[in-house]
C-alpha atoms as a PDB file:
ATOM      1  CA  MET A   1      11.103  21.372  -5.878  1.00  0.00           C
ATOM      2  CA  ARG A   2      14.191  22.980  -4.310  1.00  0.00           C
ATOM      3  CA  HIS A   3      13.798  25.649  -1.614  1.00  0.00           C
ATOM      4  CA  THR A   4      16.184  28.408  -0.665  1.00  0.00           C
ATOM      5  CA  LEU A   5      16.818  29.683   2.815  1.00  0.00           C
ATOM      6  CA  ILE A   6      13.910  31.984   3.763  1.00  0.00           C
ATOM      7  CA  THR A   7      12.814  33.946   6.787  1.00  0.00           C
ATOM      8  CA  PRO A   8       9.334  32.815   7.816  1.00  0.00           C
ATOM      9  CA  ARG A   9       6.695  35.533   7.876  1.00  0.00           C
ATOM     10  CA  LYS A  10       4.899  33.929  10.791  1.00  0.00           C
ATOM     11  CA  GLN A  11       6.809  32.383  13.608  1.00  0.00           C
ATOM     12  CA  PRO A  12       5.464  28.988  14.798  1.00  0.00           C
ATOM     13  CA  PRO A  13       4.443  29.242  18.448  1.00  0.00           C
ATOM     14  CA  ASP A  14       6.732  26.372  19.632  1.00  0.00           C
ATOM     15  CA  ILE A  15       9.752  27.244  17.449  1.00  0.00           C
ATOM     16  CA  PRO A  16      11.307  30.595  18.386  1.00  0.00           C
ATOM     17  CA  LEU A  17      12.893  32.210  15.351  1.00  0.00           C
ATOM     18  CA  GLN A  18      16.206  32.765  17.111  1.00  0.00           C
ATOM     19  CA  ASP A  19      16.511  28.991  17.773  1.00  0.00           C
ATOM     20  CA  LEU A  20      16.476  27.988  14.108  1.00  0.00           C
ATOM     21  CA  ALA A  21      19.790  26.346  13.184  1.00  0.00           C
ATOM     22  CA  ASN A  22      21.811  27.607  10.248  1.00  0.00           C
ATOM     23  CA  ASP A  23      21.254  24.375   8.307  1.00  0.00           C
ATOM     24  CA  VAL A  24      17.439  24.418   8.391  1.00  0.00           C
ATOM     25  CA  TYR A  25      14.635  26.626   7.101  1.00  0.00           C
ATOM     26  CA  LEU A  26      10.917  26.770   7.726  1.00  0.00           C
ATOM     27  CA  ASP A  27       8.909  25.652   4.722  1.00  0.00           C
ATOM     28  CA  PRO A  28       5.623  27.579   4.683  1.00  0.00           C
ATOM     29  CA  SER A  29       3.966  24.861   2.576  1.00  0.00           C
ATOM     30  CA  ASP A  30       3.871  22.424   5.509  1.00  0.00           C
ATOM     31  CA  GLY A  31       5.041  24.536   8.436  1.00  0.00           C
ATOM     32  CA  LEU A  32       7.955  22.140   9.120  1.00  0.00           C
ATOM     33  CA  LEU A  33      11.681  22.620   9.384  1.00  0.00           C
ATOM     34  CA  HIS A  34      13.578  21.337   6.333  1.00  0.00           C
ATOM     35  CA  CYS A  35      17.246  20.633   5.715  1.00  0.00           C
ATOM     36  CA  CYS A  36      19.070  23.273   3.663  1.00  0.00           C
ATOM     37  CA  ILE A  37      21.126  20.566   1.918  1.00  0.00           C
ATOM     38  CA  CYS A  38      18.773  17.722   1.000  1.00  0.00           C
ATOM     39  CA  HIS A  39      15.580  19.790   1.504  1.00  0.00           C
ATOM     40  CA  MET A  40      13.876  16.910   3.290  1.00  0.00           C
ATOM     41  CA  PRO A  41      11.841  17.623   6.456  1.00  0.00           C
ATOM     42  CA  ARG A  42      13.515  17.511   9.866  1.00  0.00           C
ATOM     43  CA  GLN A  43      10.091  17.266  11.534  1.00  0.00           C
ATOM     44  CA  LYS A  44       6.779  15.544  11.026  1.00  0.00           C
ATOM     45  CA  HIS A  45       3.164  16.237  12.040  1.00  0.00           C
ATOM     46  CA  MET A  46       1.786  13.782  14.568  1.00  0.00           C
ATOM     47  CA  MET A  47      -1.457  13.598  16.550  1.00  0.00           C
ATOM     48  CA  LEU A  48      -1.284  12.146  20.034  1.00  0.00           C
ATOM     49  CA  TRP A  49      -4.256  12.101  22.425  1.00  0.00           C
ATOM     50  CA  GLY A  50      -5.985  14.740  20.351  1.00  0.00           C
ATOM     51  CA  LYS A  51      -3.010  17.088  20.350  1.00  0.00           C
ATOM     52  CA  GLU A  52      -0.720  17.829  17.402  1.00  0.00           C
ATOM     53  CA  TYR A  53       3.030  17.459  17.878  1.00  0.00           C
ATOM     54  CA  THR A  54       5.945  18.058  15.525  1.00  0.00           C
ATOM     55  CA  PRO A  55       8.738  15.717  16.722  1.00  0.00           C
ATOM     56  CA  SER A  56      12.164  15.804  15.111  1.00  0.00           C
ATOM     57  CA  ILE A  57      13.063  13.230  12.478  1.00  0.00           C
ATOM     58  CA  PRO A  58      16.364  12.714  10.636  1.00  0.00           C
ATOM     59  CA  CYS A  59      16.619  14.036   7.099  1.00  0.00           C
ATOM     60  CA  LEU A  60      18.533  12.168   4.391  1.00  0.00           C
ATOM     61  CA  CYS A  61      21.771  13.954   5.333  1.00  0.00           C
ATOM     62  CA  GLN A  62      21.460  13.000   8.988  1.00  0.00           C
ATOM     63  CA  GLN A  63      20.541   9.410   8.114  1.00  0.00           C
ATOM     64  CA  ALA A  64      23.643   9.140   5.897  1.00  0.00           C
ATOM     65  CA  GLU A  65      25.790  10.674   8.657  1.00  0.00           C
ATOM     66  CA  ARG A  66      24.457   8.228  11.240  1.00  0.00           C
ATOM     67  CA  GLU A  67      25.029   5.290   8.906  1.00  0.00           C
ATOM     68  CA  GLU A  68      28.586   6.457   8.241  1.00  0.00           C
ATOM     69  CA  GLU A  69      29.208   6.849  11.972  1.00  0.00           C
ATOM     70  CA  GLU A  70      27.847   3.348  12.572  1.00  0.00           C
ATOM     71  CA  ARG A  71      30.081   1.993   9.808  1.00  0.00           C
ATOM     72  CA  ARG A  72      33.130   3.701  11.355  1.00  0.00           C
ATOM     73  CA  ARG A  73      32.243   2.360  14.791  1.00  0.00           C
ATOM     74  CA  GLU A  74      31.845  -1.187  13.460  1.00  0.00           C
ATOM     75  CA  GLU A  75      35.160  -0.941  11.593  1.00  0.00           C
ATOM     76  CA  GLU A  76      36.920   0.308  14.736  1.00  0.00           C
ATOM     77  CA  GLU A  77      35.508  -2.648  16.675  1.00  0.00           C
ATOM     78  CA  LYS A  78      36.643  -5.039  13.931  1.00  0.00           C
ATOM     79  CA  GLU A  79      40.122  -3.506  13.929  1.00  0.00           C
ATOM     80  CA  LEU A  80      40.335  -3.934  17.700  1.00  0.00           C
ATOM     81  CA  ALA A  81      39.291  -7.575  17.262  1.00  0.00           C
ATOM     82  CA  ARG A  82      41.939  -8.080  14.550  1.00  0.00           C
ATOM     83  CA  SER A  83      44.570  -6.511  16.785  1.00  0.00           C
ATOM     84  CA  TYR A  84      43.620  -8.871  19.616  1.00  0.00           C
ATOM     85  CA  LEU A  85      43.671 -11.924  17.308  1.00  0.00           C
ATOM     86  CA  ARG A  86      47.124 -10.991  15.984  1.00  0.00           C
ATOM     87  CA  SER A  87      48.448 -10.437  19.486  1.00  0.00           C
ATOM     88  CA  ALA A  88      47.090 -13.807  20.614  1.00  0.00           C
ATOM     89  CA  GLY A  89      47.863 -15.847  17.502  1.00  0.00           C
ATOM     90  CA  LEU A  90      51.145 -14.687  15.965  1.00  0.00           C
ATOM     91  CA  GLY A  91      54.239 -16.311  17.345  1.00  0.00           C
ATOM     92  CA  TRP A  92      56.512 -13.349  16.619  1.00  0.00           C
ATOM     93  CA  THR A  93      55.882  -9.644  16.060  1.00  0.00           C
ATOM     94  CA  SER A  94      57.163  -9.305  12.478  1.00  0.00           C
ATOM     95  CA  LEU A  95      54.503 -11.764  11.279  1.00  0.00           C
ATOM     96  CA  LYS A  96      51.929  -8.961  11.214  1.00  0.00           C
ATOM     97  CA  ASN A  97      53.805  -7.495   8.216  1.00  0.00           C
ATOM     98  CA  TYR A  98      53.605 -10.712   6.173  1.00  0.00           C
ATOM     99  CA  ARG A  99      51.194  -9.727   3.399  1.00  0.00           C
ATOM    100  CA  PHE A 100      50.460 -11.021  -0.081  1.00  0.00           C
ATOM    101  CA  ASP A 101      51.250  -7.547  -1.464  1.00  0.00           C
ATOM    102  CA  HIS A 102      54.830  -8.038  -0.248  1.00  0.00           C
ATOM    103  CA  LEU A 103      55.171 -11.692  -1.226  1.00  0.00           C
ATOM    104  CA  GLN A 104      57.955 -11.906  -3.818  1.00  0.00           C
ATOM    105  CA  GLY A 105      59.855 -14.589  -5.652  1.00  0.00           C
ATOM    106  CA  ILE A 106      57.010 -17.142  -5.712  1.00  0.00           C
ATOM    107  CA  ASP A 107      55.404 -18.490  -8.870  1.00  0.00           C
ATOM    108  CA  PRO A 108      52.401 -16.180  -9.540  1.00  0.00           C
ATOM    109  CA  PHE A 109      50.196 -19.244 -10.162  1.00  0.00           C
ATOM    110  CA  ILE A 110      51.075 -20.715  -6.739  1.00  0.00           C
ATOM    111  CA  ARG A 111      50.711 -17.308  -5.114  1.00  0.00           C
ATOM    112  CA  LYS A 112      47.192 -16.969  -6.545  1.00  0.00           C
ATOM    113  CA  LYS A 113      46.277 -20.448  -5.291  1.00  0.00           C
ATOM    114  CA  LEU A 114      47.493 -19.584  -1.797  1.00  0.00           C
ATOM    115  CA  GLN A 115      45.557 -16.320  -1.798  1.00  0.00           C
ATOM    116  CA  ILE A 116      42.362 -18.092  -2.847  1.00  0.00           C
ATOM    117  CA  TYR A 117      42.903 -20.602  -0.053  1.00  0.00           C
ATOM    118  CA  ALA A 118      43.446 -17.793   2.468  1.00  0.00           C
ATOM    119  CA  GLU A 119      40.184 -16.122   1.461  1.00  0.00           C
ATOM    120  CA  HIS A 120      38.096 -19.308   1.393  1.00  0.00           C
ATOM    121  CA  PHE A 121      39.806 -21.800   3.726  1.00  0.00           C
ATOM    122  CA  PRO A 122      36.615 -22.515   5.752  1.00  0.00           C
ATOM    123  CA  GLU A 123      35.101 -23.951   2.563  1.00  0.00           C
ATOM    124  CA  PHE A 124      37.841 -26.540   1.965  1.00  0.00           C
ATOM    125  CA  GLU A 125      36.485 -29.204   4.343  1.00  0.00           C
ATOM    126  CA  ASN A 126      39.284 -28.685   6.903  1.00  0.00           C
ATOM    127  CA  LYS A 127      41.989 -29.427   4.351  1.00  0.00           C
ATOM    128  CA  GLY A 128      45.275 -27.685   5.069  1.00  0.00           C
ATOM    129  CA  LEU A 129      48.503 -27.030   3.185  1.00  0.00           C
ATOM    130  CA  ILE A 130      52.058 -28.339   3.286  1.00  0.00           C
ATOM    131  CA  LEU A 131      54.396 -25.640   1.962  1.00  0.00           C
ATOM    132  CA  TRP A 132      57.673 -27.395   1.179  1.00  0.00           C
ATOM    133  CA  GLY A 133      60.888 -26.321  -0.488  1.00  0.00           C
ATOM    134  CA  GLN A 134      64.444 -25.180   0.052  1.00  0.00           C
ATOM    135  CA  PRO A 135      65.374 -22.720   2.828  1.00  0.00           C
ATOM    136  CA  GLY A 136      64.849 -19.041   2.067  1.00  0.00           C
ATOM    137  CA  THR A 137      62.304 -19.443  -0.733  1.00  0.00           C
ATOM    138  CA  GLY A 138      59.446 -17.805   1.172  1.00  0.00           C
ATOM    139  CA  LYS A 139      57.556 -20.695   2.787  1.00  0.00           C
ATOM    140  CA  THR A 140      57.234 -18.981   6.160  1.00  0.00           C
ATOM    141  CA  PHE A 141      56.350 -15.652   4.557  1.00  0.00           C
ATOM    142  CA  ALA A 142      53.645 -17.301   2.432  1.00  0.00           C
ATOM    143  CA  ALA A 143      52.194 -19.057   5.476  1.00  0.00           C
ATOM    144  CA  GLY A 144      52.209 -15.774   7.401  1.00  0.00           C
ATOM    145  CA  CYS A 145      50.313 -14.113   4.546  1.00  0.00           C
ATOM    146  CA  ILE A 146      47.617 -16.786   4.799  1.00  0.00           C
ATOM    147  CA  ILE A 147      47.343 -16.429   8.577  1.00  0.00           C
ATOM    148  CA  ASN A 148      47.101 -12.635   8.358  1.00  0.00           C
ATOM    149  CA  GLN A 149      44.453 -12.886   5.643  1.00  0.00           C
ATOM    150  CA  ALA A 150      42.442 -15.195   7.887  1.00  0.00           C
ATOM    151  CA  ILE A 151      42.709 -12.748  10.782  1.00  0.00           C
ATOM    152  CA  ASP A 152      41.641  -9.898   8.492  1.00  0.00           C
ATOM    153  CA  GLY A 153      38.447 -11.882   7.984  1.00  0.00           C
ATOM    154  CA  LEU A 154      38.087 -12.115  11.803  1.00  0.00           C
ATOM    155  CA  HIS A 155      38.923 -15.836  11.848  1.00  0.00           C
ATOM    156  CA  PRO A 156      40.984 -16.799  14.932  1.00  0.00           C
ATOM    157  CA  ALA A 157      44.285 -18.100  13.560  1.00  0.00           C
ATOM    158  CA  ALA A 158      47.675 -18.935  15.043  1.00  0.00           C
ATOM    159  CA  MET A 159      51.188 -19.433  13.729  1.00  0.00           C
ATOM    160  CA  ILE A 160      54.109 -20.733  15.770  1.00  0.00           C
ATOM    161  CA  SER A 161      57.451 -22.348  15.119  1.00  0.00           C
ATOM    162  CA  PHE A 162      57.260 -26.127  15.514  1.00  0.00           C
ATOM    163  CA  ARG A 163      60.448 -26.110  17.546  1.00  0.00           C
ATOM    164  CA  GLN A 164      59.167 -23.281  19.759  1.00  0.00           C
ATOM    165  CA  LEU A 165      55.943 -25.156  20.398  1.00  0.00           C
ATOM    166  CA  LEU A 166      57.857 -28.230  21.535  1.00  0.00           C
ATOM    167  CA  SER A 167      60.029 -26.057  23.777  1.00  0.00           C
ATOM    168  CA  ASP A 168      56.952 -24.462  25.334  1.00  0.00           C
ATOM    169  CA  LEU A 169      55.237 -27.808  25.912  1.00  0.00           C
ATOM    170  CA  SER A 170      58.300 -29.470  27.442  1.00  0.00           C
ATOM    171  CA  ALA A 171      58.387 -26.800  30.170  1.00  0.00           C
ATOM    172  CA  LEU A 172      54.760 -27.388  31.201  1.00  0.00           C
ATOM    173  CA  SER A 173      53.034 -29.872  33.435  1.00  0.00           C
ATOM    174  CA  ILE A 174      50.758 -32.475  31.825  1.00  0.00           C
ATOM    175  CA  ALA A 175      47.639 -30.471  32.723  1.00  0.00           C
ATOM    176  CA  ASP A 176      49.095 -27.180  31.450  1.00  0.00           C
ATOM    177  CA  ARG A 177      50.344 -28.934  28.310  1.00  0.00           C
ATOM    178  CA  LYS A 178      46.809 -30.078  27.530  1.00  0.00           C
ATOM    179  CA  SER A 179      45.480 -26.574  28.154  1.00  0.00           C
ATOM    180  CA  ARG A 180      48.137 -25.088  25.830  1.00  0.00           C
ATOM    181  CA  LEU A 181      47.230 -27.459  23.000  1.00  0.00           C
ATOM    182  CA  ASP A 182      43.510 -26.975  23.617  1.00  0.00           C
ATOM    183  CA  HIS A 183      44.021 -23.244  23.227  1.00  0.00           C
ATOM    184  CA  LEU A 184      46.121 -23.621  20.068  1.00  0.00           C
ATOM    185  CA  PHE A 185      43.776 -26.036  18.337  1.00  0.00           C
ATOM    186  CA  ALA A 186      40.738 -23.918  19.189  1.00  0.00           C
ATOM    187  CA  ASN A 187      41.832 -21.569  16.389  1.00  0.00           C
ATOM    188  CA  GLN A 188      40.068 -21.881  13.053  1.00  0.00           C
ATOM    189  CA  LEU A 189      43.404 -22.044  11.216  1.00  0.00           C
ATOM    190  CA  ILE A 190      46.782 -23.181  12.578  1.00  0.00           C
ATOM    191  CA  CYS A 191      50.279 -22.999  11.121  1.00  0.00           C
ATOM    192  CA  LEU A 192      53.261 -24.973  12.425  1.00  0.00           C
ATOM    193  CA  ASP A 193      56.354 -23.430  10.896  1.00  0.00           C
ATOM    194  CA  ASP A 194      59.520 -25.333   9.937  1.00  0.00           C
ATOM    195  CA  LEU A 195      58.550 -28.912  10.745  1.00  0.00           C
ATOM    196  CA  ASP A 196      61.709 -30.945  11.279  1.00  0.00           C
ATOM    197  CA  LEU A 197      61.823 -34.305  13.068  1.00  0.00           C
ATOM    198  CA  HIS A 198      65.578 -34.809  12.754  1.00  0.00           C
ATOM    199  CA  PHE A 199      66.353 -33.066  16.061  1.00  0.00           C
ATOM    200  CA  ILE A 200      63.605 -34.804  18.069  1.00  0.00           C
ATOM    201  CA  SER A 201      64.853 -36.533  21.205  1.00  0.00           C
ATOM    202  CA  ARG A 202      63.166 -39.505  22.851  1.00  0.00           C
ATOM    203  CA  PHE A 203      61.836 -37.066  25.476  1.00  0.00           C
ATOM    204  CA  ASP A 204      60.142 -34.952  22.786  1.00  0.00           C
ATOM    205  CA  THR A 205      58.680 -37.916  20.896  1.00  0.00           C
ATOM    206  CA  PRO A 206      55.511 -38.106  23.060  1.00  0.00           C
ATOM    207  CA  LEU A 207      54.974 -34.375  22.512  1.00  0.00           C
ATOM    208  CA  VAL A 208      55.254 -34.779  18.738  1.00  0.00           C
ATOM    209  CA  MET A 209      52.805 -37.658  18.786  1.00  0.00           C
ATOM    210  CA  ASP A 210      50.391 -35.631  20.915  1.00  0.00           C
ATOM    211  CA  ILE A 211      50.499 -32.815  18.327  1.00  0.00           C
ATOM    212  CA  ALA A 212      50.108 -35.294  15.462  1.00  0.00           C
ATOM    213  CA  ASP A 213      47.143 -36.894  17.204  1.00  0.00           C
ATOM    214  CA  ARG A 214      45.514 -33.473  17.611  1.00  0.00           C
ATOM    215  CA  ILE A 215      45.987 -32.835  13.893  1.00  0.00           C
ATOM    216  CA  ASP A 216      44.654 -36.274  12.987  1.00  0.00           C
ATOM    217  CA  ARG A 217      41.424 -36.093  14.971  1.00  0.00           C
ATOM    218  CA  GLY A 218      40.948 -32.330  14.864  1.00  0.00           C
ATOM    219  CA  ASP A 219      38.421 -30.419  12.803  1.00  0.00           C
ATOM    220  CA  ARG A 220      40.719 -27.488  12.053  1.00  0.00           C
ATOM    221  CA  PRO A 221      42.850 -27.069   8.909  1.00  0.00           C
ATOM    222  CA  ILE A 222      46.601 -27.114   9.476  1.00  0.00           C
ATOM    223  CA  ILE A 223      49.369 -25.378   7.519  1.00  0.00           C
ATOM    224  CA  ILE A 224      52.824 -26.918   7.689  1.00  0.00           C
ATOM    225  CA  THR A 225      56.034 -25.384   6.361  1.00  0.00           C
ATOM    226  CA  THR A 226      58.946 -27.767   6.006  1.00  0.00           C
ATOM    227  CA  ARG A 227      62.207 -28.496   4.214  1.00  0.00           C
ATOM    228  CA  TYR A 228      61.166 -32.095   3.659  1.00  0.00           C
ATOM    229  CA  THR A 229      60.647 -32.845  -0.014  1.00  0.00           C
ATOM    230  CA  ILE A 230      57.459 -34.487  -1.223  1.00  0.00           C
ATOM    231  CA  LYS A 231      59.536 -37.629  -1.881  1.00  0.00           C
ATOM    232  CA  GLU A 232      60.729 -37.682   1.733  1.00  0.00           C
ATOM    233  CA  LEU A 233      57.190 -37.112   3.013  1.00  0.00           C
ATOM    234  CA  ASN A 234      55.935 -40.043   0.945  1.00  0.00           C
ATOM    235  CA  HIS A 235      58.848 -42.288   1.961  1.00  0.00           C
ATOM    236  CA  PRO A 236      59.418 -41.854   5.721  1.00  0.00           C
ATOM    237  CA  GLN A 237      62.596 -43.357   7.123  1.00  0.00           C
ATOM    238  CA  THR A 238      62.162 -43.418  10.896  1.00  0.00           C
ATOM    239  CA  ASP A 239      59.411 -44.796  13.107  1.00  0.00           C
ATOM    240  CA  LEU A 240      58.384 -41.268  14.094  1.00  0.00           C
ATOM    241  CA  GLU A 241      58.220 -40.146  10.457  1.00  0.00           C
ATOM    242  CA  ARG A 242      56.160 -43.210   9.579  1.00  0.00           C
ATOM    243  CA  LYS A 243      53.626 -42.197  12.227  1.00  0.00           C
ATOM    244  CA  VAL A 244      53.538 -38.453  11.521  1.00  0.00           C
ATOM    245  CA  PHE A 245      53.920 -38.030   7.744  1.00  0.00           C
ATOM    246  CA  PRO A 246      50.814 -40.050   6.714  1.00  0.00           C
ATOM    247  CA  ILE A 247      48.707 -37.928   9.073  1.00  0.00           C
ATOM    248  CA  LEU A 248      50.008 -34.713   7.521  1.00  0.00           C
ATOM    249  CA  LEU A 249      49.508 -35.921   3.948  1.00  0.00           C
ATOM    250  CA  THR A 250      45.949 -36.960   4.796  1.00  0.00           C
ATOM    251  CA  ARG A 251      45.066 -33.598   6.300  1.00  0.00           C
ATOM    252  CA  ALA A 252      46.980 -31.233   3.985  1.00  0.00           C
ATOM    253  CA  VAL A 253      47.781 -30.688   0.292  1.00  0.00           C
ATOM    254  CA  PRO A 254      51.478 -30.201  -0.633  1.00  0.00           C
ATOM    255  CA  PHE A 255      52.588 -27.077  -2.519  1.00  0.00           C
ATOM    256  CA  LEU A 256      56.151 -26.611  -3.709  1.00  0.00           C
ATOM    257  CA  ILE A 257      57.500 -23.144  -2.894  1.00  0.00           C
ATOM    258  CA  GLN A 258      60.569 -22.533  -5.003  1.00  0.00           C
ATOM    259  CA  GLY A 259      62.610 -19.670  -6.369  1.00  0.00           C
ATOM    260  CA  GLU A 260      65.644 -17.629  -5.455  1.00  0.00           C
ATOM    261  CA  ASP A 261      66.891 -17.585  -1.887  1.00  0.00           C
ATOM    262  CA  LEU A 262      65.148 -14.476  -0.524  1.00  0.00           C
ATOM    263  CA  ARG A 263      67.205 -14.477   2.673  1.00  0.00           C
ATOM    264  CA  LYS A 264      70.431 -14.395   0.678  1.00  0.00           C
ATOM    265  CA  LYS A 265      69.039 -11.613  -1.492  1.00  0.00           C
ATOM    266  CA  GLU A 266      68.145  -9.525   1.578  1.00  0.00           C
ATOM    267  CA  GLN A 267      71.600 -10.144   3.036  1.00  0.00           C
ATOM    268  CA  GLU A 268      73.219  -8.940  -0.199  1.00  0.00           C
ATOM    269  CA  LYS A 269      71.038  -5.820  -0.240  1.00  0.00           C
ATOM    270  CA  GLY A 270      71.937  -5.082   3.367  1.00  0.00           C
ATOM    271  CA  LEU A 271      75.642  -5.545   2.663  1.00  0.00           C
ATOM    272  CA  LEU A 272      75.526  -3.225  -0.354  1.00  0.00           C
ATOM    273  CA  LYS A 273      73.660  -0.594   1.665  1.00  0.00           C
ATOM    274  CA  MET A 274      76.232  -0.801   4.474  1.00  0.00           C
ATOM    275  CA  GLN A 275      79.153  -0.606   2.015  1.00  0.00           C
ATOM    276  CA  GLY A 276      77.569   2.446   0.377  1.00  0.00           C
ATOM    277  CA  SER A 277      77.311   4.262   3.694  1.00  0.00           C
ATOM    278  CA  LEU A 278      80.939   3.671   4.669  1.00  0.00           C
END
């Protein structure tokens, strides 16, 4: 039964008439304040030590408002956590814009597989991915999409250039180097971008083996992007490759990323835009 706003004939002794809010009315059937919107009571009768009280209670509208406020608060906290994870885990600022919605030029079947992996990677028994192919085909972008998707799900994830990681480690002491790798491999998902062992010097070889050993005995999935072909990964040529490649192939599944050179396409678009403005 719906009630309209009424003026009570008899004023309750503990509820002065002038204090009634605009969104409530006094229902004479139970003597309680009711909400003008959902018409549910804002009070209840209660006996305590032989005395009757009418404490306030939330109506359906207020309950829904509180739940919505709680949902907003939780989402704000999650967004702050995502912002922190991106700040801590992404090797360069533009990575935060790497999203599957913007991923172009990749086979839709492969793209769907990568998206499924990004959403469910904790279920794949610590298996990672090797994204291989020619330069400019979107390997790094695809890996960044996976890392961002993981962070969206509040999974600590990190992505860094393989060469940058070696540069960072070479400048550290042995103790700080261990701490840096401990911190990196504490993430639930790790991406090493642009793996290339051709430029490795004999001074960097121990660093590469340390990283490979972490991957081999770690319990975290690893994503590798590389220009090495699957044939080259299966047929290593140098001693270092013979030590590293079998570890990667054991811990990660190769996916060929192919298509037009997206970098070249962007360069052409930029050139045309500049020519049009001159």
